Amino acid sequence: MKKGYITLENNNYELVRNYKDAFYEEEVRARYTDYFQDYDYIFGDYSYDKLRLKGFYDKKNRKANAINSIERLDSYILEYCSYECRYFLLKLVKK
């Protein structure tokens, strides 16, 4: 991985948040599926030492709604993630 970037299934992502050094490339590659290709962001958190991934859309994306808009990320972290868990955020780099 180039510094701060990763390619997954022909999509390039930039690592924009890495709270508590949560990002481990091998684990992300193992959990990533083509389901996430459509999202503008991929959020990963560790709950009970297991990596969970969730997709989010940019607010300008017409597919964005109240549940999956990146503007809701901080609320998602508070509501659905373990307290003070490790997490990271990847942003799709448009070609």
C-alpha atoms as a PDB file:
ATOM      1  CA  MET A   1       0.000   0.000   0.000  1.00  0.00           C
ATOM      2  CA  LYS A   2       1.296   3.426  -0.923  1.00  0.00           C
ATOM      3  CA  LYS A   3       1.236   5.792   2.000  1.00  0.00           C
ATOM      4  CA  GLY A   4      -2.400   6.395   2.847  1.00  0.00           C
ATOM      5  CA  TYR A   5      -3.839   4.613  -0.215  1.00  0.00           C
ATOM      6  CA  ILE A   6      -5.154   1.138  -0.967  1.00  0.00           C
ATOM      7  CA  THR A   7      -6.613  -0.475  -4.086  1.00  0.00           C
ATOM      8  CA  LEU A   8      -9.509  -2.878  -3.577  1.00  0.00           C
ATOM      9  CA  GLU A   9     -11.208  -4.563  -6.562  1.00  0.00           C
ATOM     10  CA  ASN A  10      -9.944  -1.867  -8.978  1.00  0.00           C
ATOM     11  CA  ASN A  11     -11.127   0.987  -6.742  1.00  0.00           C
ATOM     12  CA  ASN A  12      -8.604   3.305  -5.125  1.00  0.00           C
ATOM     13  CA  TYR A  13      -9.203   4.523  -1.576  1.00  0.00           C
ATOM     14  CA  GLU A  14      -7.469   7.072   0.607  1.00  0.00           C
ATOM     15  CA  LEU A  15      -7.137   6.445   4.331  1.00  0.00           C
ATOM     16  CA  VAL A  16      -8.608   9.637   5.806  1.00  0.00           C
ATOM     17  CA  ARG A  17      -9.038   8.547   9.446  1.00  0.00           C
ATOM     18  CA  ASN A  18      -7.106   5.958  11.406  1.00  0.00           C
ATOM     19  CA  TYR A  19      -8.208   6.242  15.024  1.00  0.00           C
ATOM     20  CA  LYS A  20      -5.977   4.243  17.375  1.00  0.00           C
ATOM     21  CA  ASP A  21      -4.077   2.745  14.400  1.00  0.00           C
ATOM     22  CA  ALA A  22      -7.059   0.605  13.442  1.00  0.00           C
ATOM     23  CA  PHE A  23      -6.219   0.095   9.777  1.00  0.00           C
ATOM     24  CA  TYR A  24      -4.729  -3.304   8.907  1.00  0.00           C
ATOM     25  CA  GLU A  25      -4.595  -3.854   5.171  1.00  0.00           C
ATOM     26  CA  GLU A  26      -4.726  -7.656   5.342  1.00  0.00           C
ATOM     27  CA  GLU A  27      -7.877  -7.660   7.451  1.00  0.00           C
ATOM     28  CA  VAL A  28      -9.590  -5.122   5.205  1.00  0.00           C
ATOM     29  CA  ARG A  29      -8.760  -7.194   2.113  1.00  0.00           C
ATOM     30  CA  ALA A  30     -10.138 -10.314   3.802  1.00  0.00           C
ATOM     31  CA  ARG A  31     -13.472  -8.633   4.706  1.00  0.00           C
ATOM     32  CA  TYR A  32     -13.970  -6.477   1.603  1.00  0.00           C
ATOM     33  CA  THR A  33     -16.556  -7.645  -0.942  1.00  0.00           C
ATOM     34  CA  ASP A  34     -17.902  -6.134  -4.148  1.00  0.00           C
ATOM     35  CA  TYR A  35     -20.891  -4.931  -2.088  1.00  0.00           C
ATOM     36  CA  PHE A  36     -18.781  -1.918  -1.043  1.00  0.00           C
ATOM     37  CA  GLN A  37     -17.764  -0.858  -4.571  1.00  0.00           C
ATOM     38  CA  ASP A  38     -20.725   1.474  -4.903  1.00  0.00           C
ATOM     39  CA  TYR A  39     -20.015   3.498  -1.741  1.00  0.00           C
ATOM     40  CA  ASP A  40     -17.988   6.715  -1.534  1.00  0.00           C
ATOM     41  CA  TYR A  41     -16.615   5.779   1.912  1.00  0.00           C
ATOM     42  CA  ILE A  42     -15.887   2.571   3.776  1.00  0.00           C
ATOM     43  CA  PHE A  43     -15.879   2.770   7.552  1.00  0.00           C
ATOM     44  CA  GLY A  44     -14.272  -0.004   9.575  1.00  0.00           C
ATOM     45  CA  ASP A  45     -14.452  -0.509  13.320  1.00  0.00           C
ATOM     46  CA  TYR A  46     -13.385  -3.219  15.723  1.00  0.00           C
ATOM     47  CA  SER A  47     -16.042  -4.477  18.059  1.00  0.00           C
ATOM     48  CA  TYR A  48     -15.080  -7.427  20.259  1.00  0.00           C
ATOM     49  CA  ASP A  49     -11.842  -7.700  18.242  1.00  0.00           C
ATOM     50  CA  LYS A  50     -13.738  -8.300  14.984  1.00  0.00           C
ATOM     51  CA  LEU A  51     -13.584  -5.956  12.017  1.00  0.00           C
ATOM     52  CA  ARG A  52     -16.939  -4.606  10.863  1.00  0.00           C
ATOM     53  CA  LEU A  53     -17.292  -2.643   7.606  1.00  0.00           C
ATOM     54  CA  LYS A  54     -20.035  -0.206   6.623  1.00  0.00           C
ATOM     55  CA  GLY A  55     -20.487   1.852   3.474  1.00  0.00           C
ATOM     56  CA  PHE A  56     -21.410   5.527   3.391  1.00  0.00           C
ATOM     57  CA  TYR A  57     -22.235   7.925   0.562  1.00  0.00           C
ATOM     58  CA  ASP A  58     -21.048  11.480   0.051  1.00  0.00           C
ATOM     59  CA  LYS A  59     -23.826  13.966   0.759  1.00  0.00           C
ATOM     60  CA  LYS A  60     -23.852  14.932  -2.936  1.00  0.00           C
ATOM     61  CA  ASN A  61     -24.481  11.359  -4.041  1.00  0.00           C
ATOM     62  CA  ARG A  62     -28.132  10.867  -4.990  1.00  0.00           C
ATOM     63  CA  LYS A  63     -28.090   7.490  -3.215  1.00  0.00           C
ATOM     64  CA  ALA A  64     -27.364   9.144   0.133  1.00  0.00           C
ATOM     65  CA  ASN A  65     -30.095   9.098   2.742  1.00  0.00           C
ATOM     66  CA  ALA A  66     -30.385   9.632   6.494  1.00  0.00           C
ATOM     67  CA  ILE A  67     -28.925   6.202   7.259  1.00  0.00           C
ATOM     68  CA  ASN A  68     -25.927   6.059   4.924  1.00  0.00           C
ATOM     69  CA  SER A  69     -24.812   9.684   4.468  1.00  0.00           C
ATOM     70  CA  ILE A  70     -21.229  10.399   5.542  1.00  0.00           C
ATOM     71  CA  GLU A  71     -22.537  13.420   7.425  1.00  0.00           C
ATOM     72  CA  ARG A  72     -24.040  10.936   9.907  1.00  0.00           C
ATOM     73  CA  LEU A  73     -20.731   9.174  10.621  1.00  0.00           C
ATOM     74  CA  ASP A  74     -20.118  10.743  14.036  1.00  0.00           C
ATOM     75  CA  SER A  75     -23.629   9.783  15.157  1.00  0.00           C
ATOM     76  CA  TYR A  76     -23.093   6.257  13.821  1.00  0.00           C
ATOM     77  CA  ILE A  77     -19.888   5.934  15.837  1.00  0.00           C
ATOM     78  CA  LEU A  78     -21.663   7.041  19.029  1.00  0.00           C
ATOM     79  CA  GLU A  79     -24.725   4.857  18.497  1.00  0.00           C
ATOM     80  CA  TYR A  80     -23.375   1.653  16.967  1.00  0.00           C
ATOM     81  CA  CYS A  81     -19.706   1.302  17.891  1.00  0.00           C
ATOM     82  CA  SER A  82     -18.163   0.153  21.134  1.00  0.00           C
ATOM     83  CA  TYR A  83     -17.001   3.000  23.353  1.00  0.00           C
ATOM     84  CA  GLU A  84     -13.508   4.187  22.344  1.00  0.00           C
ATOM     85  CA  CYS A  85     -13.150   1.410  19.772  1.00  0.00           C
ATOM     86  CA  ARG A  86     -10.508   1.508  17.073  1.00  0.00           C
ATOM     87  CA  TYR A  87     -11.783   2.610  13.660  1.00  0.00           C
ATOM     88  CA  PHE A  88     -10.742   3.884  10.247  1.00  0.00           C
ATOM     89  CA  LEU A  89     -12.317   5.600   7.260  1.00  0.00           C
ATOM     90  CA  LEU A  90     -11.442   5.031   3.606  1.00  0.00           C
ATOM     91  CA  LYS A  91     -12.555   7.509   0.937  1.00  0.00           C
ATOM     92  CA  LEU A  92     -13.029   6.470  -2.675  1.00  0.00           C
ATOM     93  CA  VAL A  93     -10.647   8.355  -4.960  1.00  0.00           C
ATOM     94  CA  LYS A  94     -12.488   9.275  -8.139  1.00  0.00           C
ATOM     95  CA  LYS A  95     -10.677   8.575 -11.372  1.00  0.00           C
END
